[in-house]
């Protein structure tokens, strides 16, 4: 019996936490949401490029990755303006 009450309590706590999170979210305009998605995509691309650079052995491939990283950094800087 006690176990049933305990699980109900956990379930209620999780529901309360989920409703609190949804109430605290800031509503973004479509432009802000699009900018946030672009920034996230750029950050993911940057991380992937850094991972590829860590294992790159060919100097030309490494040079290409460095150029891509510089371009991604420039795009991220423009997004922050």
PDB file of N, CA and C in Angstrom:
ATOM      1  N   UNK A   1       0.822  -1.186   0.000  1.00  0.00           N
ATOM      2  CA  UNK A   1       0.000   0.000   0.000  1.00  0.00           C
ATOM      3  C   UNK A   1       0.873   1.260   0.000  1.00  0.00           C
ATOM      4  N   UNK A   2       1.895   1.256   0.826  1.00  0.00           N
ATOM      5  CA  UNK A   2       2.757   2.433   0.910  1.00  0.00           C
ATOM      6  C   UNK A   2       3.453   2.693  -0.420  1.00  0.00           C
ATOM      7  N   UNK A   3       3.820   1.631  -1.119  1.00  0.00           N
ATOM      8  CA  UNK A   3       4.503   1.787  -2.389  1.00  0.00           C
ATOM      9  C   UNK A   3       3.599   2.495  -3.393  1.00  0.00           C
ATOM     10  N   UNK A   4       2.328   2.182  -3.406  1.00  0.00           N
ATOM     11  CA  UNK A   4       1.387   2.844  -4.313  1.00  0.00           C
ATOM     12  C   UNK A   4       1.290   4.330  -4.043  1.00  0.00           C
ATOM     13  N   UNK A   5       1.239   4.693  -2.782  1.00  0.00           N
ATOM     14  CA  UNK A   5       1.177   6.110  -2.438  1.00  0.00           C
ATOM     15  C   UNK A   5       2.461   6.820  -2.818  1.00  0.00           C
ATOM     16  N   UNK A   6       3.591   6.127  -2.637  1.00  0.00           N
ATOM     17  CA  UNK A   6       4.877   6.725  -2.972  1.00  0.00           C
ATOM     18  C   UNK A   6       4.965   7.021  -4.465  1.00  0.00           C
ATOM     19  N   UNK A   7       4.552   6.079  -5.291  1.00  0.00           N
ATOM     20  CA  UNK A   7       4.633   6.291  -6.734  1.00  0.00           C
ATOM     21  C   UNK A   7       3.682   7.393  -7.181  1.00  0.00           C
ATOM     22  N   UNK A   8       2.530   7.507  -6.538  1.00  0.00           N
ATOM     23  CA  UNK A   8       1.607   8.596  -6.868  1.00  0.00           C
ATOM     24  C   UNK A   8       2.239   9.944  -6.527  1.00  0.00           C
ATOM     25  N   UNK A   9       2.939   9.995  -5.415  1.00  0.00           N
ATOM     26  CA  UNK A   9       3.586  11.230  -5.019  1.00  0.00           C
ATOM     27  C   UNK A   9       4.648  11.638  -6.036  1.00  0.00           C
ATOM     28  N   UNK A  10       5.437  10.682  -6.489  1.00  0.00           N
ATOM     29  CA  UNK A  10       6.458  10.962  -7.492  1.00  0.00           C
ATOM     30  C   UNK A  10       5.806  11.430  -8.782  1.00  0.00           C
ATOM     31  N   UNK A  11       4.729  10.768  -9.155  1.00  0.00           N
ATOM     32  CA  UNK A  11       4.013  11.141 -10.376  1.00  0.00           C
ATOM     33  C   UNK A  11       3.495  12.575 -10.274  1.00  0.00           C
ATOM     34  N   UNK A  12       2.936  12.939  -9.140  1.00  0.00           N
ATOM     35  CA  UNK A  12       2.438  14.305  -8.946  1.00  0.00           C
ATOM     36  C   UNK A  12       3.578  15.316  -8.972  1.00  0.00           C
ATOM     37  N   UNK A  13       4.721  14.962  -8.367  1.00  0.00           N
ATOM     38  CA  UNK A  13       5.870  15.864  -8.377  1.00  0.00           C
ATOM     39  C   UNK A  13       6.374  16.097  -9.803  1.00  0.00           C
ATOM     40  N   UNK A  14       6.393  15.029 -10.601  1.00  0.00           N
ATOM     41  CA  UNK A  14       6.846  15.176 -11.978  1.00  0.00           C
ATOM     42  C   UNK A  14       5.878  16.037 -12.777  1.00  0.00           C
ATOM     43  N   UNK A  15       4.584  15.847 -12.557  1.00  0.00           N
ATOM     44  CA  UNK A  15       3.586  16.652 -13.258  1.00  0.00           C
ATOM     45  C   UNK A  15       3.713  18.118 -12.863  1.00  0.00           C
ATOM     46  N   UNK A  16       3.921  18.376 -11.574  1.00  0.00           N
ATOM     47  CA  UNK A  16       4.090  19.755 -11.119  1.00  0.00           C
ATOM     48  C   UNK A  16       5.330  20.396 -11.732  1.00  0.00           C
ATOM     49  N   UNK A  17       6.422  19.647 -11.783  1.00  0.00           N
ATOM     50  CA  UNK A  17       7.663  20.167 -12.364  1.00  0.00           C
ATOM     51  C   UNK A  17       7.479  20.482 -13.844  1.00  0.00           C
ATOM     52  N   UNK A  18       6.772  19.618 -14.560  1.00  0.00           N
ATOM     53  CA  UNK A  18       6.538  19.847 -15.988  1.00  0.00           C
ATOM     54  C   UNK A  18       5.672  21.083 -16.200  1.00  0.00           C
ATOM     55  N   UNK A  19       4.670  21.280 -15.385  1.00  0.00           N
ATOM     56  CA  UNK A  19       3.814  22.455 -15.552  1.00  0.00           C
ATOM     57  C   UNK A  19       4.571  23.725 -15.191  1.00  0.00           C
ATOM     58  N   UNK A  20       5.448  23.656 -14.185  1.00  0.00           N
ATOM     59  CA  UNK A  20       6.260  24.820 -13.828  1.00  0.00           C
ATOM     60  C   UNK A  20       7.179  25.213 -14.977  1.00  0.00           C
ATOM     61  N   UNK A  21       7.799  24.212 -15.624  1.00  0.00           N
ATOM     62  CA  UNK A  21       8.698  24.493 -16.743  1.00  0.00           C
ATOM     63  C   UNK A  21       7.950  25.144 -17.887  1.00  0.00           C
ATOM     64  N   UNK A  22       6.752  24.659 -18.173  1.00  0.00           N
ATOM     65  CA  UNK A  22       6.013  25.209 -19.307  1.00  0.00           C
ATOM     66  C   UNK A  22       5.531  26.626 -19.014  1.00  0.00           C
ATOM     67  N   UNK A  23       5.267  26.946 -17.757  1.00  0.00           N
ATOM     68  CA  UNK A  23       4.829  28.288 -17.407  1.00  0.00           C
ATOM     69  C   UNK A  23       5.978  29.287 -17.444  1.00  0.00           C
ATOM     70  N   UNK A  24       7.206  28.821 -17.201  1.00  0.00           N
ATOM     71  CA  UNK A  24       8.353  29.719 -17.163  1.00  0.00           C
ATOM     72  C   UNK A  24       8.983  29.940 -18.537  1.00  0.00           C
ATOM     73  N   UNK A  25       8.563  29.210 -19.516  1.00  0.00           N
ATOM     74  CA  UNK A  25       9.133  29.387 -20.851  1.00  0.00           C
ATOM     75  C   UNK A  25       8.711  30.732 -21.424  1.00  0.00           C
ATOM     76  N   UNK A  26       9.663  31.363 -22.055  1.00  0.00           N
ATOM     77  CA  UNK A  26       9.399  32.644 -22.703  1.00  0.00           C
ATOM     78  C   UNK A  26       8.904  32.363 -24.111  1.00  0.00           C
ATOM     79  N   UNK A  27       7.832  33.007 -24.478  1.00  0.00           N
ATOM     80  CA  UNK A  27       7.310  32.845 -25.825  1.00  0.00           C
ATOM     81  C   UNK A  27       8.197  33.626 -26.793  1.00  0.00           C
ATOM     82  N   UNK A  28       8.728  32.942 -27.784  1.00  0.00           N
ATOM     83  CA  UNK A  28       9.592  33.570 -28.770  1.00  0.00           C
ATOM     84  C   UNK A  28       8.790  33.923 -30.003  1.00  0.00           C
ATOM     85  N   UNK A  29       9.199  35.015 -30.633  1.00  0.00           N
ATOM     86  CA  UNK A  29       8.592  35.349 -31.923  1.00  0.00           C
ATOM     87  C   UNK A  29       9.135  34.350 -32.947  1.00  0.00           C
ATOM     88  N   UNK A  30       8.473  34.215 -34.088  1.00  0.00           N
ATOM     89  CA  UNK A  30       8.989  33.297 -35.109  1.00  0.00           C
ATOM     90  C   UNK A  30      10.417  33.643 -35.540  1.00  0.00           C
ATOM     91  N   UNK A  31      10.746  34.924 -35.585  1.00  0.00           N
ATOM     92  CA  UNK A  31      12.098  35.344 -35.965  1.00  0.00           C
ATOM     93  C   UNK A  31      13.113  34.925 -34.905  1.00  0.00           C
ATOM     94  N   UNK A  32      12.746  35.088 -33.634  1.00  0.00           N
ATOM     95  CA  UNK A  32      13.645  34.697 -32.553  1.00  0.00           C
ATOM     96  C   UNK A  32      13.851  33.180 -32.538  1.00  0.00           C
ATOM     97  N   UNK A  33      12.776  32.435 -32.775  1.00  0.00           N
ATOM     98  CA  UNK A  33      12.876  30.976 -32.803  1.00  0.00           C
ATOM     99  C   UNK A  33      13.771  30.525 -33.957  1.00  0.00           C
ATOM    100  N   UNK A  34      13.618  31.168 -35.115  1.00  0.00           N
ATOM    101  CA  UNK A  34      14.447  30.820 -36.271  1.00  0.00           C
ATOM    102  C   UNK A  34      15.916  31.142 -35.990  1.00  0.00           C
ATOM    103  N   UNK A  35      16.170  32.281 -35.365  1.00  0.00           N
ATOM    104  CA  UNK A  35      17.552  32.659 -35.025  1.00  0.00           C
ATOM    105  C   UNK A  35      18.149  31.676 -34.021  1.00  0.00           C
ATOM    106  N   UNK A  36      17.340  31.236 -33.079  1.00  0.00           N
ATOM    107  CA  UNK A  36      17.805  30.261 -32.086  1.00  0.00           C
ATOM    108  C   UNK A  36      18.144  28.929 -32.752  1.00  0.00           C
ATOM    109  N   UNK A  37      17.315  28.502 -33.699  1.00  0.00           N
ATOM    110  CA  UNK A  37      17.580  27.251 -34.427  1.00  0.00           C
ATOM    111  C   UNK A  37      18.845  27.365 -35.274  1.00  0.00           C
ATOM    112  N   UNK A  38      19.030  28.530 -35.941  1.00  0.00           N
ATOM    113  CA  UNK A  38      20.240  28.741 -36.747  1.00  0.00           C
ATOM    114  C   UNK A  38      21.484  28.679 -35.871  1.00  0.00           C
ATOM    115  N   UNK A  39      21.426  29.342 -34.721  1.00  0.00           N
ATOM    116  CA  UNK A  39      22.574  29.358 -33.811  1.00  0.00           C
ATOM    117  C   UNK A  39      22.885  27.946 -33.319  1.00  0.00           C
ATOM    118  N   UNK A  40      21.865  27.184 -32.964  1.00  0.00           N
ATOM    119  CA  UNK A  40      22.072  25.818 -32.495  1.00  0.00           C
ATOM    120  C   UNK A  40      22.688  24.965 -33.604  1.00  0.00           C
ATOM    121  N   UNK A  41      22.235  25.131 -34.829  1.00  0.00           N
ATOM    122  CA  UNK A  41      22.780  24.376 -35.963  1.00  0.00           C
ATOM    123  C   UNK A  41      24.249  24.746 -36.190  1.00  0.00           C
ATOM    124  N   UNK A  42      24.574  26.035 -36.078  1.00  0.00           N
ATOM    125  CA  UNK A  42      25.963  26.464 -36.235  1.00  0.00           C
ATOM    126  C   UNK A  42      26.850  25.886 -35.131  1.00  0.00           C
ATOM    127  N   UNK A  43      26.335  25.872 -33.902  1.00  0.00           N
ATOM    128  CA  UNK A  43      27.109  25.319 -32.791  1.00  0.00           C
ATOM    129  C   UNK A  43      27.350  23.822 -32.979  1.00  0.00           C
ATOM    130  N   UNK A  44      26.339  23.105 -33.460  1.00  0.00           N
ATOM    131  CA  UNK A  44      26.500  21.675 -33.714  1.00  0.00           C
ATOM    132  C   UNK A  44      27.513  21.425 -34.827  1.00  0.00           C
ATOM    133  N   UNK A  45      27.458  22.232 -35.878  1.00  0.00           N
ATOM    134  CA  UNK A  45      28.416  22.106 -36.972  1.00  0.00           C
ATOM    135  C   UNK A  45      29.831  22.393 -36.492  1.00  0.00           C
ATOM    136  N   UNK A  46      29.958  23.397 -35.633  1.00  0.00           N
ATOM    137  CA  UNK A  46      31.275  23.738 -35.092  1.00  0.00           C
ATOM    138  C   UNK A  46      31.831  22.576 -34.264  1.00  0.00           C
ATOM    139  N   UNK A  47      30.994  21.992 -33.425  1.00  0.00           N
ATOM    140  CA  UNK A  47      31.438  20.852 -32.612  1.00  0.00           C
ATOM    141  C   UNK A  47      31.841  19.666 -33.483  1.00  0.00           C
ATOM    142  N   UNK A  48      31.080  19.403 -34.525  1.00  0.00           N
ATOM    143  CA  UNK A  48      31.410  18.303 -35.431  1.00  0.00           C
ATOM    144  C   UNK A  48      32.730  18.569 -36.144  1.00  0.00           C
ATOM    145  N   UNK A  49      32.951  19.808 -36.546  1.00  0.00           N
ATOM    146  CA  UNK A  49      34.205  20.183 -37.212  1.00  0.00           C
ATOM    147  C   UNK A  49      35.389  20.009 -36.262  1.00  0.00           C
ATOM    148  N   UNK A  50      35.211  20.406 -35.003  1.00  0.00           N
ATOM    149  CA  UNK A  50      36.281  20.233 -34.018  1.00  0.00           C
ATOM    150  C   UNK A  50      36.595  18.747 -33.802  1.00  0.00           C
ATOM    151  N   UNK A  51      35.583  17.917 -33.776  1.00  0.00           N
ATOM    152  CA  UNK A  51      35.796  16.480 -33.616  1.00  0.00           C
ATOM    153  C   UNK A  51      36.549  15.912 -34.811  1.00  0.00           C
ATOM    154  N   UNK A  52      36.196  16.372 -36.008  1.00  0.00           N
ATOM    155  CA  UNK A  52      36.892  15.902 -37.204  1.00  0.00           C
ATOM    156  C   UNK A  52      38.336  16.369 -37.220  1.00  0.00           C
ATOM    157  N   UNK A  53      38.577  17.584 -36.731  1.00  0.00           N
ATOM    158  CA  UNK A  53      39.944  18.099 -36.683  1.00  0.00           C
ATOM    159  C   UNK A  53      40.811  17.278 -35.727  1.00  0.00           C
ATOM    160  N   UNK A  54      40.202  16.766 -34.669  1.00  0.00           N
ATOM    161  CA  UNK A  54      40.952  15.996 -33.680  1.00  0.00           C
ATOM    162  C   UNK A  54      41.509  14.703 -34.256  1.00  0.00           C
ATOM    163  N   UNK A  55      40.870  14.173 -35.296  1.00  0.00           N
ATOM    164  CA  UNK A  55      41.320  12.902 -35.869  1.00  0.00           C
ATOM    165  C   UNK A  55      41.870  13.040 -37.279  1.00  0.00           C
ATOM    166  N   UNK A  56      41.862  14.264 -37.812  1.00  0.00           N
ATOM    167  CA  UNK A  56      42.342  14.470 -39.178  1.00  0.00           C
ATOM    168  C   UNK A  56      43.851  14.266 -39.251  1.00  0.00           C
ATOM    169  N   UNK A  57      44.269  13.480 -40.231  1.00  0.00           N
ATOM    170  CA  UNK A  57      45.707  13.247 -40.393  1.00  0.00           C
ATOM    171  C   UNK A  57      46.244  13.869 -41.687  1.00  0.00           C
ATOM    172  N   UNK A  58      45.398  14.060 -42.658  1.00  0.00           N
ATOM    173  CA  UNK A  58      45.806  14.655 -43.923  1.00  0.00           C
ATOM    174  C   UNK A  58      45.891  16.179 -43.762  1.00  0.00           C
ATOM    175  N   UNK A  59      47.041  16.785 -44.080  1.00  0.00           N
ATOM    176  CA  UNK A  59      47.194  18.237 -43.902  1.00  0.00           C
ATOM    177  C   UNK A  59      46.182  19.055 -44.709  1.00  0.00           C
ATOM    178  N   UNK A  60      45.856  18.613 -45.900  1.00  0.00           N
ATOM    179  CA  UNK A  60      44.882  19.366 -46.713  1.00  0.00           C
ATOM    180  C   UNK A  60      43.488  19.291 -46.097  1.00  0.00           C
ATOM    181  N   UNK A  61      43.137  18.129 -45.604  1.00  0.00           N
ATOM    182  CA  UNK A  61      41.833  17.975 -44.955  1.00  0.00           C
ATOM    183  C   UNK A  61      41.783  18.836 -43.695  1.00  0.00           C
ATOM    184  N   UNK A  62      42.868  18.845 -42.945  1.00  0.00           N
ATOM    185  CA  UNK A  62      42.947  19.654 -41.731  1.00  0.00           C
ATOM    186  C   UNK A  62      42.825  21.146 -42.070  1.00  0.00           C
ATOM    187  N   UNK A  63      43.471  21.556 -43.157  1.00  0.00           N
ATOM    188  CA  UNK A  63      43.394  22.957 -43.593  1.00  0.00           C
ATOM    189  C   UNK A  63      41.957  23.318 -43.969  1.00  0.00           C
ATOM    190  N   UNK A  64      41.272  22.412 -44.661  1.00  0.00           N
ATOM    191  CA  UNK A  64      39.880  22.652 -45.029  1.00  0.00           C
ATOM    192  C   UNK A  64      39.014  22.776 -43.778  1.00  0.00           C
ATOM    193  N   UNK A  65      39.257  21.920 -42.789  1.00  0.00           N
ATOM    194  CA  UNK A  65      38.488  21.969 -41.552  1.00  0.00           C
ATOM    195  C   UNK A  65      38.756  23.262 -40.785  1.00  0.00           C
ATOM    196  N   UNK A  66      39.997  23.733 -40.801  1.00  0.00           N
ATOM    197  CA  UNK A  66      40.329  24.998 -40.140  1.00  0.00           C
ATOM    198  C   UNK A  66      39.605  26.165 -40.804  1.00  0.00           C
ATOM    199  N   UNK A  67      39.527  26.135 -42.128  1.00  0.00           N
ATOM    200  CA  UNK A  67      38.793  27.183 -42.851  1.00  0.00           C
ATOM    201  C   UNK A  67      37.303  27.116 -42.517  1.00  0.00           C
ATOM    202  N   UNK A  68      36.772  25.913 -42.445  1.00  0.00           N
ATOM    203  CA  UNK A  68      35.356  25.746 -42.103  1.00  0.00           C
ATOM    204  C   UNK A  68      35.091  26.248 -40.691  1.00  0.00           C
ATOM    205  N   UNK A  69      36.005  25.954 -39.778  1.00  0.00           N
ATOM    206  CA  UNK A  69      35.859  26.407 -38.397  1.00  0.00           C
ATOM    207  C   UNK A  69      35.882  27.933 -38.318  1.00  0.00           C
ATOM    208  N   UNK A  70      36.776  28.552 -39.053  1.00  0.00           N
ATOM    209  CA  UNK A  70      36.845  30.019 -39.075  1.00  0.00           C
ATOM    210  C   UNK A  70      35.549  30.614 -39.618  1.00  0.00           C
ATOM    211  N   UNK A  71      35.006  29.996 -40.658  1.00  0.00           N
ATOM    212  CA  UNK A  71      33.745  30.466 -41.231  1.00  0.00           C
ATOM    213  C   UNK A  71      32.594  30.308 -40.233  1.00  0.00           C
ATOM    214  N   UNK A  72      32.545  29.174 -39.556  1.00  0.00           N
ATOM    215  CA  UNK A  72      31.492  28.953 -38.562  1.00  0.00           C
ATOM    216  C   UNK A  72      31.607  29.954 -37.411  1.00  0.00           C
ATOM    217  N   UNK A  73      32.831  30.235 -36.975  1.00  0.00           N
ATOM    218  CA  UNK A  73      33.028  31.227 -35.920  1.00  0.00           C
ATOM    219  C   UNK A  73      32.555  32.607 -36.363  1.00  0.00           C
ATOM    220  N   UNK A  74      32.828  32.952 -37.621  1.00  0.00           N
ATOM    221  CA  UNK A  74      32.378  34.248 -38.148  1.00  0.00           C
ATOM    222  C   UNK A  74      30.847  34.315 -38.186  1.00  0.00           C
ATOM    223  N   UNK A  75      30.226  33.228 -38.615  1.00  0.00           N
ATOM    224  CA  UNK A  75      28.756  33.195 -38.655  1.00  0.00           C
ATOM    225  C   UNK A  75      28.171  33.315 -37.254  1.00  0.00           C
ATOM    226  N   UNK A  76      28.768  32.618 -36.289  1.00  0.00           N
ATOM    227  CA  UNK A  76      28.291  32.711 -34.915  1.00  0.00           C
ATOM    228  C   UNK A  76      28.442  34.135 -34.368  1.00  0.00           C
ATOM    229  N   UNK A  77      29.527  34.793 -34.726  1.00  0.00           N
ATOM    230  CA  UNK A  77      29.734  36.170 -34.287  1.00  0.00           C
ATOM    231  C   UNK A  77      28.680  37.088 -34.883  1.00  0.00           C
ATOM    232  N   UNK A  78      28.332  36.875 -36.149  1.00  0.00           N
ATOM    233  CA  UNK A  78      27.278  37.680 -36.794  1.00  0.00           C
ATOM    234  C   UNK A  78      25.922  37.432 -36.136  1.00  0.00           C
ATOM    235  N   UNK A  79      25.662  36.202 -35.724  1.00  0.00           N
ATOM    236  CA  UNK A  79      24.388  35.867 -35.085  1.00  0.00           C
ATOM    237  C   UNK A  79      24.231  36.583 -33.743  1.00  0.00           C
ATOM    238  N   UNK A  80      25.333  36.845 -33.061  1.00  0.00           N
ATOM    239  CA  UNK A  80      25.269  37.494 -31.756  1.00  0.00           C
ATOM    240  C   UNK A  80      25.031  38.990 -31.868  1.00  0.00           C
ATOM    241  N   UNK A  81      25.276  39.550 -33.012  1.00  0.00           N
ATOM    242  CA  UNK A  81      25.103  41.015 -33.176  1.00  0.00           C
ATOM    243  C   UNK A  81      23.660  41.404 -33.197  1.00  0.00           C
TER     244      UNK A  81
END
